[in-house]
Amino acid sequence: MKRLLDYSRSQCAGSPDSINTPISECISSTRFSALTIYTAIELLFETGVRVGELCSITLEDVDIAQGIITIFGKGSRERKVFMTSDTTWRLLTAYITLSKQFRRTDSSALLVTSQGHGAGPAHIRSKLAQQAKAAGLTRHITPHMLRHSAATHLIEAGVDIRFVQKLLGHQSIATTQIYTQVTDNSLRDVLTRAGARLRLEAAM
């Protein structure tokens, strides 16, 4: 995922610091489109939200000062996700300001296209696939894969599965446990490779 993030960042400004620099200037629709998908990727990866939830976020749902976004998930269940990364916080702050140049007056969506309309799930999926291909990734990348990666990284970092369940908006913890199986498989692969190396060293 790092290659995807790095490539997406390079297409819009290079870094969150440079994104913040030209806030008062006009930007091209091409650059803004790249900035929208980069912002989407960062939010998907950091918060683990579903793509439908991401596209449903409105400006009123975002508390920039506190770094909190209110999500309305399946069954209209409400939960909070957090921008714990300073990079994501600065990116979103800059994006909201820059989007004013393109945003239609009747659009309250957080993420908008260069035509000013709310960016829908199909738009995000399409742009994400294009970015991944341009970044040289041979695997087809989907928004759900970013959500999956977010959950897996948290579990591998030792975050309690109950907190991951709440973050992802899973009603049943059994759904969240799928991600623990993935990390267990990863652990087994690592241990297997390590054992193979030890045997090889012992034979030398």
N, C-alpha and C. Protein backbone atom coordinates (compact mmCIF):
# COMPACT_ATOMS: atom_id res chain seq x y z
N MET A 1 0.81 -1.21 0.00
CA MET A 1 0.00 0.00 0.00
C MET A 1 0.86 1.27 0.00
N LYS A 2 2.09 1.13 0.48
CA LYS A 2 2.96 2.31 0.53
C LYS A 2 3.22 2.87 -0.86
N ARG A 3 3.41 1.97 -1.84
CA ARG A 3 3.65 2.44 -3.20
C ARG A 3 2.45 3.22 -3.73
N LEU A 4 1.25 2.74 -3.42
CA LEU A 4 0.03 3.42 -3.85
C LEU A 4 -0.07 4.80 -3.20
N LEU A 5 0.18 4.88 -1.89
CA LEU A 5 0.12 6.16 -1.18
C LEU A 5 1.15 7.13 -1.71
N ASP A 6 2.37 6.64 -1.92
CA ASP A 6 3.45 7.52 -2.42
C ASP A 6 3.12 8.05 -3.81
N TYR A 7 2.62 7.17 -4.67
CA TYR A 7 2.28 7.60 -6.03
C TYR A 7 1.15 8.61 -6.01
N SER A 8 0.10 8.34 -5.24
CA SER A 8 -1.05 9.23 -5.17
C SER A 8 -0.64 10.61 -4.64
N ARG A 9 0.26 10.60 -3.65
CA ARG A 9 0.74 11.86 -3.09
C ARG A 9 1.50 12.66 -4.15
N SER A 10 2.31 11.97 -4.93
CA SER A 10 3.13 12.65 -5.93
C SER A 10 2.29 13.28 -7.04
N GLN A 11 1.10 12.74 -7.28
CA GLN A 11 0.25 13.24 -8.35
C GLN A 11 -0.47 14.54 -8.01
N CYS A 12 -0.54 14.86 -6.71
CA CYS A 12 -1.30 16.07 -6.36
C CYS A 12 -0.44 17.19 -5.81
N ALA A 13 0.59 16.87 -5.03
CA ALA A 13 1.37 17.97 -4.47
C ALA A 13 2.73 17.57 -3.96
N GLY A 14 2.97 16.30 -3.77
CA GLY A 14 4.26 15.88 -3.28
C GLY A 14 4.27 15.58 -1.80
N SER A 15 3.62 16.41 -1.01
CA SER A 15 3.54 16.18 0.44
C SER A 15 2.45 17.06 1.01
N PRO A 16 1.94 16.72 2.19
CA PRO A 16 0.92 17.56 2.82
C PRO A 16 1.41 18.98 3.04
N ASP A 17 2.72 19.16 3.31
CA ASP A 17 3.24 20.51 3.51
C ASP A 17 3.11 21.33 2.24
N SER A 18 3.45 20.73 1.10
CA SER A 18 3.35 21.48 -0.14
C SER A 18 1.91 21.67 -0.56
N ILE A 19 1.02 20.76 -0.12
CA ILE A 19 -0.41 20.95 -0.39
C ILE A 19 -0.89 22.22 0.30
N ASN A 20 -0.41 22.45 1.49
CA ASN A 20 -0.86 23.61 2.25
C ASN A 20 -0.33 24.93 1.71
N THR A 21 0.76 24.88 0.96
CA THR A 21 1.39 26.10 0.51
C THR A 21 0.53 26.95 -0.42
N PRO A 22 -0.08 26.38 -1.48
CA PRO A 22 -0.81 27.23 -2.43
C PRO A 22 -2.31 27.32 -2.17
N ILE A 23 -2.72 27.29 -0.90
CA ILE A 23 -4.15 27.27 -0.61
C ILE A 23 -4.89 28.46 -1.21
N SER A 24 -4.26 29.61 -1.28
CA SER A 24 -4.94 30.80 -1.77
C SER A 24 -4.95 30.86 -3.30
N GLU A 25 -4.23 29.95 -3.96
CA GLU A 25 -4.13 29.96 -5.41
C GLU A 25 -5.15 29.02 -6.05
N CYS A 26 -5.44 29.26 -7.31
CA CYS A 26 -6.31 28.36 -8.05
C CYS A 26 -5.50 27.13 -8.43
N ILE A 27 -6.14 25.98 -8.46
CA ILE A 27 -5.47 24.76 -8.88
C ILE A 27 -6.25 24.17 -10.04
N SER A 28 -5.57 23.36 -10.83
CA SER A 28 -6.23 22.77 -12.00
C SER A 28 -7.19 21.68 -11.58
N SER A 29 -8.14 21.39 -12.44
CA SER A 29 -9.11 20.34 -12.16
C SER A 29 -8.42 18.98 -12.10
N THR A 30 -7.35 18.80 -12.89
CA THR A 30 -6.61 17.54 -12.89
C THR A 30 -5.93 17.33 -11.56
N ARG A 31 -5.30 18.36 -11.06
CA ARG A 31 -4.63 18.24 -9.77
C ARG A 31 -5.65 18.05 -8.65
N PHE A 32 -6.78 18.72 -8.73
CA PHE A 32 -7.79 18.57 -7.69
C PHE A 32 -8.36 17.16 -7.70
N SER A 33 -8.56 16.58 -8.87
CA SER A 33 -9.06 15.21 -8.98
C SER A 33 -8.08 14.24 -8.32
N ALA A 34 -6.78 14.48 -8.55
CA ALA A 34 -5.75 13.64 -7.92
C ALA A 34 -5.76 13.83 -6.41
N LEU A 35 -6.00 15.05 -5.98
CA LEU A 35 -6.03 15.35 -4.55
C LEU A 35 -7.22 14.66 -3.88
N THR A 36 -8.34 14.60 -4.58
CA THR A 36 -9.53 13.93 -4.04
C THR A 36 -9.28 12.45 -3.81
N ILE A 37 -8.69 11.78 -4.78
CA ILE A 37 -8.47 10.34 -4.62
C ILE A 37 -7.38 10.08 -3.59
N TYR A 38 -6.37 10.95 -3.51
CA TYR A 38 -5.34 10.78 -2.48
C TYR A 38 -5.95 10.93 -1.09
N THR A 39 -6.83 11.91 -0.92
CA THR A 39 -7.51 12.11 0.35
C THR A 39 -8.37 10.90 0.69
N ALA A 40 -9.06 10.37 -0.31
CA ALA A 40 -9.89 9.18 -0.11
C ALA A 40 -9.05 7.99 0.35
N ILE A 41 -7.91 7.79 -0.30
CA ILE A 41 -7.03 6.67 0.04
C ILE A 41 -6.53 6.80 1.48
N GLU A 42 -6.10 7.99 1.84
CA GLU A 42 -5.60 8.22 3.20
C GLU A 42 -6.70 7.94 4.24
N LEU A 43 -7.90 8.42 3.97
CA LEU A 43 -8.99 8.22 4.93
C LEU A 43 -9.41 6.75 5.01
N LEU A 44 -9.46 6.07 3.89
CA LEU A 44 -9.81 4.66 3.89
C LEU A 44 -8.80 3.85 4.68
N PHE A 45 -7.53 4.16 4.48
CA PHE A 45 -6.47 3.39 5.12
C PHE A 45 -6.36 3.72 6.61
N GLU A 46 -6.56 4.98 6.97
CA GLU A 46 -6.41 5.36 8.38
C GLU A 46 -7.63 5.00 9.22
N THR A 47 -8.82 5.16 8.67
CA THR A 47 -10.03 4.97 9.47
C THR A 47 -10.71 3.63 9.27
N GLY A 48 -10.44 2.95 8.16
CA GLY A 48 -11.06 1.66 7.90
C GLY A 48 -12.53 1.74 7.54
N VAL A 49 -13.01 2.92 7.12
CA VAL A 49 -14.43 3.05 6.78
C VAL A 49 -14.73 2.33 5.47
N ARG A 50 -15.98 1.98 5.28
CA ARG A 50 -16.43 1.42 4.01
C ARG A 50 -16.48 2.53 2.97
N VAL A 51 -16.36 2.19 1.69
CA VAL A 51 -16.36 3.22 0.66
C VAL A 51 -17.70 3.97 0.63
N GLY A 52 -18.81 3.25 0.88
CA GLY A 52 -20.11 3.91 0.93
C GLY A 52 -20.19 4.91 2.06
N GLU A 53 -19.59 4.54 3.21
CA GLU A 53 -19.56 5.45 4.35
C GLU A 53 -18.69 6.66 4.05
N LEU A 54 -17.57 6.42 3.40
CA LEU A 54 -16.67 7.51 3.04
C LEU A 54 -17.38 8.54 2.17
N CYS A 55 -18.10 8.06 1.17
CA CYS A 55 -18.78 8.96 0.24
C CYS A 55 -19.99 9.64 0.85
N SER A 56 -20.45 9.12 1.99
CA SER A 56 -21.61 9.72 2.67
C SER A 56 -21.21 10.79 3.68
N ILE A 57 -19.90 10.92 3.93
CA ILE A 57 -19.44 11.92 4.90
C ILE A 57 -19.73 13.32 4.36
N THR A 58 -20.34 14.16 5.20
CA THR A 58 -20.58 15.55 4.83
C THR A 58 -19.61 16.44 5.59
N LEU A 59 -19.55 17.69 5.18
CA LEU A 59 -18.68 18.65 5.86
C LEU A 59 -19.06 18.79 7.33
N GLU A 60 -20.35 18.68 7.62
CA GLU A 60 -20.82 18.81 9.00
C GLU A 60 -20.39 17.62 9.86
N ASP A 61 -20.07 16.51 9.23
CA ASP A 61 -19.66 15.31 9.97
C ASP A 61 -18.20 15.39 10.43
N VAL A 62 -17.48 16.36 9.92
CA VAL A 62 -16.04 16.45 10.19
C VAL A 62 -15.76 17.52 11.24
N ASP A 63 -15.15 17.11 12.33
CA ASP A 63 -14.69 18.03 13.36
C ASP A 63 -13.18 18.13 13.24
N ILE A 64 -12.73 19.08 12.43
CA ILE A 64 -11.30 19.23 12.16
C ILE A 64 -10.52 19.53 13.43
N ALA A 65 -11.06 20.39 14.27
CA ALA A 65 -10.37 20.80 15.49
C ALA A 65 -10.05 19.60 16.38
N GLN A 66 -10.99 18.64 16.46
CA GLN A 66 -10.80 17.47 17.31
C GLN A 66 -10.24 16.27 16.55
N GLY A 67 -10.20 16.37 15.22
CA GLY A 67 -9.72 15.25 14.43
C GLY A 67 -10.67 14.07 14.45
N ILE A 68 -11.98 14.35 14.48
CA ILE A 68 -13.00 13.30 14.58
C ILE A 68 -13.97 13.40 13.40
N ILE A 69 -14.34 12.25 12.86
CA ILE A 69 -15.34 12.20 11.79
C ILE A 69 -16.48 11.30 12.26
N THR A 70 -17.70 11.78 12.14
CA THR A 70 -18.88 10.99 12.49
C THR A 70 -19.31 10.17 11.28
N ILE A 71 -19.46 8.89 11.49
CA ILE A 71 -19.83 7.97 10.41
C ILE A 71 -21.22 7.40 10.69
N PHE A 72 -22.04 7.38 9.65
CA PHE A 72 -23.35 6.74 9.75
C PHE A 72 -23.30 5.47 8.89
N GLY A 73 -23.18 4.33 9.57
CA GLY A 73 -22.96 3.08 8.88
C GLY A 73 -24.24 2.32 8.58
N LYS A 74 -24.07 1.01 8.44
CA LYS A 74 -25.21 0.15 8.12
C LYS A 74 -26.28 0.26 9.20
N GLY A 75 -27.54 0.32 8.79
CA GLY A 75 -28.62 0.46 9.74
C GLY A 75 -28.64 1.80 10.43
N SER A 76 -28.00 2.78 9.80
CA SER A 76 -27.92 4.15 10.34
C SER A 76 -27.24 4.20 11.71
N ARG A 77 -26.40 3.18 11.98
CA ARG A 77 -25.68 3.19 13.25
C ARG A 77 -24.56 4.23 13.20
N GLU A 78 -24.49 5.02 14.24
CA GLU A 78 -23.51 6.10 14.28
C GLU A 78 -22.27 5.68 15.07
N ARG A 79 -21.10 6.06 14.54
CA ARG A 79 -19.86 5.83 15.27
C ARG A 79 -18.86 6.94 14.92
N LYS A 80 -17.79 6.99 15.67
CA LYS A 80 -16.75 8.00 15.44
C LYS A 80 -15.48 7.32 14.95
N VAL A 81 -14.81 7.96 14.00
CA VAL A 81 -13.47 7.53 13.62
C VAL A 81 -12.53 8.72 13.82
N PHE A 82 -11.25 8.42 13.94
CA PHE A 82 -10.32 9.46 14.38
C PHE A 82 -9.14 9.62 13.41
N MET A 83 -8.75 10.86 13.21
CA MET A 83 -7.55 11.16 12.43
C MET A 83 -6.40 11.29 13.41
N THR A 84 -5.71 10.19 13.66
CA THR A 84 -4.61 10.20 14.62
C THR A 84 -3.29 10.60 13.96
N SER A 85 -3.25 10.54 12.64
CA SER A 85 -2.05 10.91 11.90
C SER A 85 -2.07 12.40 11.57
N ASP A 86 -0.99 13.09 11.89
CA ASP A 86 -0.90 14.51 11.57
C ASP A 86 -0.92 14.72 10.06
N THR A 87 -0.36 13.76 9.34
CA THR A 87 -0.35 13.85 7.87
C THR A 87 -1.78 13.88 7.33
N THR A 88 -2.62 12.97 7.81
CA THR A 88 -4.01 12.91 7.35
C THR A 88 -4.77 14.16 7.77
N TRP A 89 -4.53 14.63 8.98
CA TRP A 89 -5.22 15.82 9.48
C TRP A 89 -4.88 17.04 8.62
N ARG A 90 -3.60 17.23 8.31
CA ARG A 90 -3.19 18.38 7.51
C ARG A 90 -3.71 18.26 6.08
N LEU A 91 -3.71 17.04 5.57
CA LEU A 91 -4.21 16.80 4.21
C LEU A 91 -5.69 17.16 4.12
N LEU A 92 -6.49 16.67 5.08
CA LEU A 92 -7.93 16.92 5.04
C LEU A 92 -8.24 18.40 5.25
N THR A 93 -7.48 19.05 6.12
CA THR A 93 -7.66 20.49 6.35
C THR A 93 -7.43 21.26 5.05
N ALA A 94 -6.35 20.92 4.35
CA ALA A 94 -6.05 21.59 3.09
C ALA A 94 -7.09 21.25 2.02
N TYR A 95 -7.53 19.98 2.00
CA TYR A 95 -8.51 19.56 0.98
C TYR A 95 -9.82 20.33 1.12
N ILE A 96 -10.31 20.47 2.34
CA ILE A 96 -11.57 21.18 2.56
C ILE A 96 -11.47 22.62 2.05
N THR A 97 -10.33 23.24 2.28
CA THR A 97 -10.14 24.62 1.80
C THR A 97 -10.08 24.67 0.28
N LEU A 98 -9.29 23.79 -0.31
CA LEU A 98 -9.11 23.79 -1.75
C LEU A 98 -10.39 23.39 -2.50
N SER A 99 -11.21 22.57 -1.87
CA SER A 99 -12.42 22.10 -2.55
C SER A 99 -13.44 23.21 -2.77
N LYS A 100 -13.29 24.30 -2.07
CA LYS A 100 -14.24 25.41 -2.23
C LYS A 100 -14.21 25.96 -3.65
N GLN A 101 -13.08 25.81 -4.32
CA GLN A 101 -12.95 26.30 -5.69
C GLN A 101 -13.84 25.49 -6.66
N PHE A 102 -14.10 24.22 -6.32
CA PHE A 102 -14.83 23.33 -7.23
C PHE A 102 -16.23 22.96 -6.72
N ARG A 103 -16.43 23.04 -5.42
CA ARG A 103 -17.67 22.56 -4.81
C ARG A 103 -18.90 23.36 -5.26
N ARG A 104 -19.95 22.66 -5.67
CA ARG A 104 -21.21 23.30 -5.97
C ARG A 104 -21.85 23.79 -4.67
N THR A 105 -22.57 24.86 -4.75
CA THR A 105 -23.18 25.43 -3.54
C THR A 105 -24.18 24.49 -2.91
N ASP A 106 -24.74 23.55 -3.70
CA ASP A 106 -25.73 22.63 -3.16
C ASP A 106 -25.13 21.29 -2.72
N SER A 107 -23.79 21.20 -2.72
CA SER A 107 -23.13 19.97 -2.33
C SER A 107 -22.51 20.09 -0.94
N SER A 108 -22.91 19.19 -0.04
CA SER A 108 -22.37 19.18 1.31
C SER A 108 -21.41 18.01 1.52
N ALA A 109 -21.19 17.21 0.46
CA ALA A 109 -20.30 16.04 0.56
C ALA A 109 -18.88 16.48 0.86
N LEU A 110 -18.19 15.70 1.68
CA LEU A 110 -16.79 16.01 1.97
C LEU A 110 -15.94 15.88 0.72
N LEU A 111 -16.06 14.75 0.04
CA LEU A 111 -15.28 14.50 -1.17
C LEU A 111 -16.10 14.86 -2.41
N VAL A 112 -15.53 15.69 -3.25
CA VAL A 112 -16.23 16.10 -4.47
C VAL A 112 -15.36 15.89 -5.69
N THR A 113 -16.00 15.75 -6.83
CA THR A 113 -15.28 15.63 -8.09
C THR A 113 -14.85 17.02 -8.56
N SER A 114 -14.08 17.05 -9.63
CA SER A 114 -13.66 18.35 -10.17
C SER A 114 -14.82 19.10 -10.79
N GLN A 115 -15.98 18.41 -10.99
CA GLN A 115 -17.19 19.07 -11.47
C GLN A 115 -18.03 19.61 -10.31
N GLY A 116 -17.59 19.34 -9.09
CA GLY A 116 -18.26 19.90 -7.93
C GLY A 116 -19.32 19.04 -7.29
N HIS A 117 -19.57 17.86 -7.87
CA HIS A 117 -20.57 16.95 -7.32
C HIS A 117 -19.92 16.03 -6.28
N GLY A 118 -20.73 15.46 -5.39
CA GLY A 118 -20.22 14.51 -4.43
C GLY A 118 -19.63 13.29 -5.12
N ALA A 119 -18.46 12.86 -4.68
CA ALA A 119 -17.81 11.69 -5.26
C ALA A 119 -18.47 10.43 -4.72
N GLY A 120 -19.04 9.62 -5.61
CA GLY A 120 -19.74 8.41 -5.21
C GLY A 120 -18.82 7.20 -5.16
N PRO A 121 -19.28 6.08 -4.62
CA PRO A 121 -18.46 4.87 -4.53
C PRO A 121 -17.89 4.41 -5.87
N ALA A 122 -18.69 4.47 -6.93
CA ALA A 122 -18.20 4.03 -8.24
C ALA A 122 -17.05 4.90 -8.72
N HIS A 123 -17.15 6.21 -8.44
CA HIS A 123 -16.08 7.14 -8.82
C HIS A 123 -14.79 6.81 -8.07
N ILE A 124 -14.91 6.57 -6.76
CA ILE A 124 -13.73 6.26 -5.95
C ILE A 124 -13.11 4.94 -6.39
N ARG A 125 -13.94 3.93 -6.64
CA ARG A 125 -13.42 2.63 -7.07
C ARG A 125 -12.65 2.75 -8.38
N SER A 126 -13.25 3.49 -9.33
CA SER A 126 -12.63 3.65 -10.65
C SER A 126 -11.30 4.40 -10.56
N LYS A 127 -11.29 5.50 -9.83
CA LYS A 127 -10.07 6.31 -9.71
C LYS A 127 -8.99 5.56 -8.93
N LEU A 128 -9.40 4.80 -7.92
CA LEU A 128 -8.44 4.02 -7.14
C LEU A 128 -7.77 2.96 -8.01
N ALA A 129 -8.56 2.28 -8.82
CA ALA A 129 -8.02 1.26 -9.72
C ALA A 129 -7.05 1.88 -10.71
N GLN A 130 -7.38 3.06 -11.22
CA GLN A 130 -6.49 3.77 -12.15
C GLN A 130 -5.18 4.15 -11.48
N GLN A 131 -5.27 4.65 -10.25
CA GLN A 131 -4.08 5.05 -9.52
C GLN A 131 -3.17 3.85 -9.24
N ALA A 132 -3.78 2.75 -8.84
CA ALA A 132 -3.01 1.55 -8.53
C ALA A 132 -2.28 1.04 -9.77
N LYS A 133 -2.96 1.06 -10.90
CA LYS A 133 -2.34 0.61 -12.15
C LYS A 133 -1.20 1.53 -12.54
N ALA A 134 -1.42 2.84 -12.42
CA ALA A 134 -0.39 3.82 -12.76
C ALA A 134 0.81 3.71 -11.82
N ALA A 135 0.55 3.27 -10.58
CA ALA A 135 1.64 3.12 -9.60
C ALA A 135 2.44 1.84 -9.84
N GLY A 136 2.00 1.04 -10.81
CA GLY A 136 2.74 -0.18 -11.13
C GLY A 136 2.30 -1.41 -10.37
N LEU A 137 1.14 -1.33 -9.70
CA LEU A 137 0.63 -2.47 -8.97
C LEU A 137 -0.13 -3.38 -9.92
N THR A 138 0.22 -4.64 -9.94
CA THR A 138 -0.43 -5.56 -10.87
C THR A 138 -1.74 -6.10 -10.31
N ARG A 139 -1.89 -6.06 -9.01
CA ARG A 139 -3.11 -6.54 -8.38
C ARG A 139 -4.20 -5.48 -8.45
N HIS A 140 -5.43 -5.91 -8.68
CA HIS A 140 -6.56 -4.97 -8.71
C HIS A 140 -6.86 -4.51 -7.28
N ILE A 141 -6.73 -3.21 -7.03
CA ILE A 141 -6.91 -2.66 -5.69
C ILE A 141 -8.32 -2.08 -5.55
N THR A 142 -8.98 -2.44 -4.46
CA THR A 142 -10.33 -1.96 -4.19
C THR A 142 -10.36 -1.21 -2.86
N PRO A 143 -11.37 -0.38 -2.64
CA PRO A 143 -11.49 0.31 -1.34
C PRO A 143 -11.57 -0.68 -0.17
N HIS A 144 -12.22 -1.82 -0.38
CA HIS A 144 -12.33 -2.79 0.72
C HIS A 144 -10.97 -3.34 1.11
N MET A 145 -10.05 -3.42 0.17
CA MET A 145 -8.70 -3.89 0.49
C MET A 145 -7.99 -2.90 1.41
N LEU A 146 -8.26 -1.62 1.24
CA LEU A 146 -7.67 -0.61 2.13
C LEU A 146 -8.28 -0.74 3.53
N ARG A 147 -9.57 -0.99 3.60
CA ARG A 147 -10.25 -1.21 4.88
C ARG A 147 -9.67 -2.46 5.55
N HIS A 148 -9.47 -3.50 4.76
CA HIS A 148 -8.89 -4.74 5.25
C HIS A 148 -7.48 -4.49 5.79
N SER A 149 -6.70 -3.73 5.05
CA SER A 149 -5.33 -3.42 5.48
C SER A 149 -5.32 -2.63 6.78
N ALA A 150 -6.25 -1.68 6.90
CA ALA A 150 -6.33 -0.87 8.11
C ALA A 150 -6.59 -1.75 9.32
N ALA A 151 -7.54 -2.67 9.20
CA ALA A 151 -7.87 -3.57 10.31
C ALA A 151 -6.72 -4.49 10.65
N THR A 152 -6.09 -5.04 9.63
CA THR A 152 -4.98 -5.97 9.85
C THR A 152 -3.82 -5.29 10.54
N HIS A 153 -3.49 -4.08 10.11
CA HIS A 153 -2.38 -3.34 10.73
C HIS A 153 -2.66 -3.05 12.20
N LEU A 154 -3.90 -2.70 12.52
CA LEU A 154 -4.25 -2.42 13.92
C LEU A 154 -4.11 -3.67 14.78
N ILE A 155 -4.59 -4.79 14.28
CA ILE A 155 -4.51 -6.03 15.04
C ILE A 155 -3.06 -6.46 15.21
N GLU A 156 -2.26 -6.32 14.14
CA GLU A 156 -0.85 -6.68 14.24
C GLU A 156 -0.10 -5.76 15.20
N ALA A 157 -0.62 -4.53 15.38
CA ALA A 157 0.00 -3.59 16.31
C ALA A 157 -0.43 -3.84 17.75
N GLY A 158 -1.31 -4.83 17.95
CA GLY A 158 -1.72 -5.19 19.29
C GLY A 158 -2.98 -4.52 19.80
N VAL A 159 -3.72 -3.85 18.92
CA VAL A 159 -4.97 -3.20 19.33
C VAL A 159 -6.01 -4.27 19.64
N ASP A 160 -6.70 -4.13 20.76
CA ASP A 160 -7.73 -5.08 21.18
C ASP A 160 -8.78 -5.22 20.09
N ILE A 161 -9.16 -6.45 19.80
CA ILE A 161 -10.10 -6.73 18.72
C ILE A 161 -11.44 -6.02 18.94
N ARG A 162 -11.82 -5.77 20.20
CA ARG A 162 -13.08 -5.09 20.47
C ARG A 162 -13.04 -3.64 20.00
N PHE A 163 -11.86 -3.02 20.10
CA PHE A 163 -11.72 -1.65 19.62
C PHE A 163 -11.75 -1.62 18.09
N VAL A 164 -11.13 -2.62 17.47
CA VAL A 164 -11.15 -2.72 16.01
C VAL A 164 -12.57 -2.94 15.53
N GLN A 165 -13.32 -3.77 16.24
CA GLN A 165 -14.73 -4.02 15.90
C GLN A 165 -15.51 -2.71 15.91
N LYS A 166 -15.31 -1.91 16.94
CA LYS A 166 -16.04 -0.64 17.05
C LYS A 166 -15.63 0.32 15.94
N LEU A 167 -14.34 0.37 15.65
CA LEU A 167 -13.85 1.27 14.59
C LEU A 167 -14.45 0.91 13.24
N LEU A 168 -14.50 -0.38 12.94
CA LEU A 168 -14.98 -0.84 11.64
C LEU A 168 -16.50 -0.83 11.53
N GLY A 169 -17.18 -0.74 12.68
CA GLY A 169 -18.63 -0.73 12.65
C GLY A 169 -19.24 -2.10 12.48
N HIS A 170 -18.51 -3.15 12.91
CA HIS A 170 -19.04 -4.50 12.83
C HIS A 170 -20.03 -4.75 13.97
N GLN A 171 -21.19 -5.27 13.65
CA GLN A 171 -22.18 -5.58 14.68
C GLN A 171 -21.76 -6.82 15.46
N SER A 172 -21.15 -7.77 14.77
CA SER A 172 -20.70 -9.00 15.40
C SER A 172 -19.19 -9.07 15.42
N ILE A 173 -18.62 -9.46 16.55
CA ILE A 173 -17.17 -9.57 16.65
C ILE A 173 -16.65 -10.72 15.78
N ALA A 174 -17.53 -11.66 15.44
CA ALA A 174 -17.14 -12.78 14.58
C ALA A 174 -16.65 -12.27 13.22
N THR A 175 -17.24 -11.18 12.74
CA THR A 175 -16.82 -10.58 11.47
C THR A 175 -15.41 -10.02 11.60
N THR A 176 -15.13 -9.37 12.72
CA THR A 176 -13.82 -8.79 12.95
C THR A 176 -12.75 -9.86 13.10
N GLN A 177 -13.13 -11.02 13.62
CA GLN A 177 -12.17 -12.10 13.85
C GLN A 177 -11.58 -12.65 12.56
N ILE A 178 -12.22 -12.35 11.44
CA ILE A 178 -11.66 -12.75 10.14
C ILE A 178 -10.26 -12.18 9.99
N TYR A 179 -10.07 -10.94 10.47
CA TYR A 179 -8.78 -10.28 10.33
C TYR A 179 -7.72 -10.90 11.24
N THR A 180 -8.13 -11.48 12.35
CA THR A 180 -7.15 -12.16 13.22
C THR A 180 -6.66 -13.42 12.55
N GLN A 181 -7.52 -14.08 11.77
CA GLN A 181 -7.11 -15.27 11.05
C GLN A 181 -6.05 -14.94 10.01
N VAL A 182 -6.21 -13.75 9.39
CA VAL A 182 -5.23 -13.31 8.40
C VAL A 182 -3.88 -13.10 9.06
N THR A 183 -3.86 -12.43 10.21
CA THR A 183 -2.59 -12.16 10.88
C THR A 183 -1.99 -13.44 11.43
N ASP A 184 -2.83 -14.38 11.85
CA ASP A 184 -2.30 -15.67 12.30
C ASP A 184 -1.62 -16.40 11.15
N ASN A 185 -2.23 -16.32 9.97
CA ASN A 185 -1.62 -16.94 8.79
C ASN A 185 -0.30 -16.28 8.45
N SER A 186 -0.26 -14.94 8.58
CA SER A 186 0.98 -14.21 8.31
C SER A 186 2.06 -14.63 9.29
N LEU A 187 1.66 -14.76 10.57
CA LEU A 187 2.61 -15.18 11.60
C LEU A 187 3.15 -16.57 11.29
N ARG A 188 2.28 -17.47 10.88
CA ARG A 188 2.72 -18.83 10.57
C ARG A 188 3.71 -18.84 9.41
N ASP A 189 3.44 -18.01 8.39
CA ASP A 189 4.35 -17.93 7.25
C ASP A 189 5.73 -17.43 7.67
N VAL A 190 5.74 -16.40 8.53
CA VAL A 190 7.01 -15.84 9.00
C VAL A 190 7.79 -16.89 9.80
N LEU A 191 7.09 -17.59 10.70
CA LEU A 191 7.75 -18.60 11.52
C LEU A 191 8.26 -19.76 10.67
N THR A 192 7.49 -20.11 9.64
CA THR A 192 7.91 -21.20 8.75
C THR A 192 9.18 -20.82 8.01
N ARG A 193 9.22 -19.59 7.50
CA ARG A 193 10.41 -19.13 6.79
C ARG A 193 11.61 -19.05 7.73
N ALA A 194 11.35 -18.59 8.96
CA ALA A 194 12.43 -18.49 9.94
C ALA A 194 12.98 -19.87 10.26
N GLY A 195 12.08 -20.84 10.41
CA GLY A 195 12.51 -22.20 10.70
C GLY A 195 13.34 -22.78 9.57
N ALA A 196 12.94 -22.46 8.35
CA ALA A 196 13.68 -22.94 7.19
C ALA A 196 15.08 -22.37 7.17
N ARG A 197 15.21 -21.10 7.52
CA ARG A 197 16.54 -20.48 7.55
C ARG A 197 17.42 -21.09 8.63
N LEU A 198 16.80 -21.36 9.81
CA LEU A 198 17.57 -21.95 10.91
C LEU A 198 18.10 -23.32 10.52
N ARG A 199 17.23 -24.09 9.83
CA ARG A 199 17.67 -25.42 9.40
C ARG A 199 18.80 -25.33 8.38
N LEU A 200 18.69 -24.31 7.51
CA LEU A 200 19.72 -24.13 6.50
C LEU A 200 21.04 -23.74 7.15
N GLU A 201 20.96 -22.85 8.15
CA GLU A 201 22.18 -22.43 8.84
C GLU A 201 22.80 -23.60 9.59
N ALA A 202 21.96 -24.46 10.18
CA ALA A 202 22.47 -25.59 10.94
C ALA A 202 23.19 -26.60 10.05
N ALA A 203 22.77 -26.65 8.80
CA ALA A 203 23.36 -27.60 7.86
C ALA A 203 24.67 -27.10 7.28
N MET A 204 24.94 -25.82 7.46
CA MET A 204 26.16 -25.26 6.85
C MET A 204 27.39 -25.50 7.73
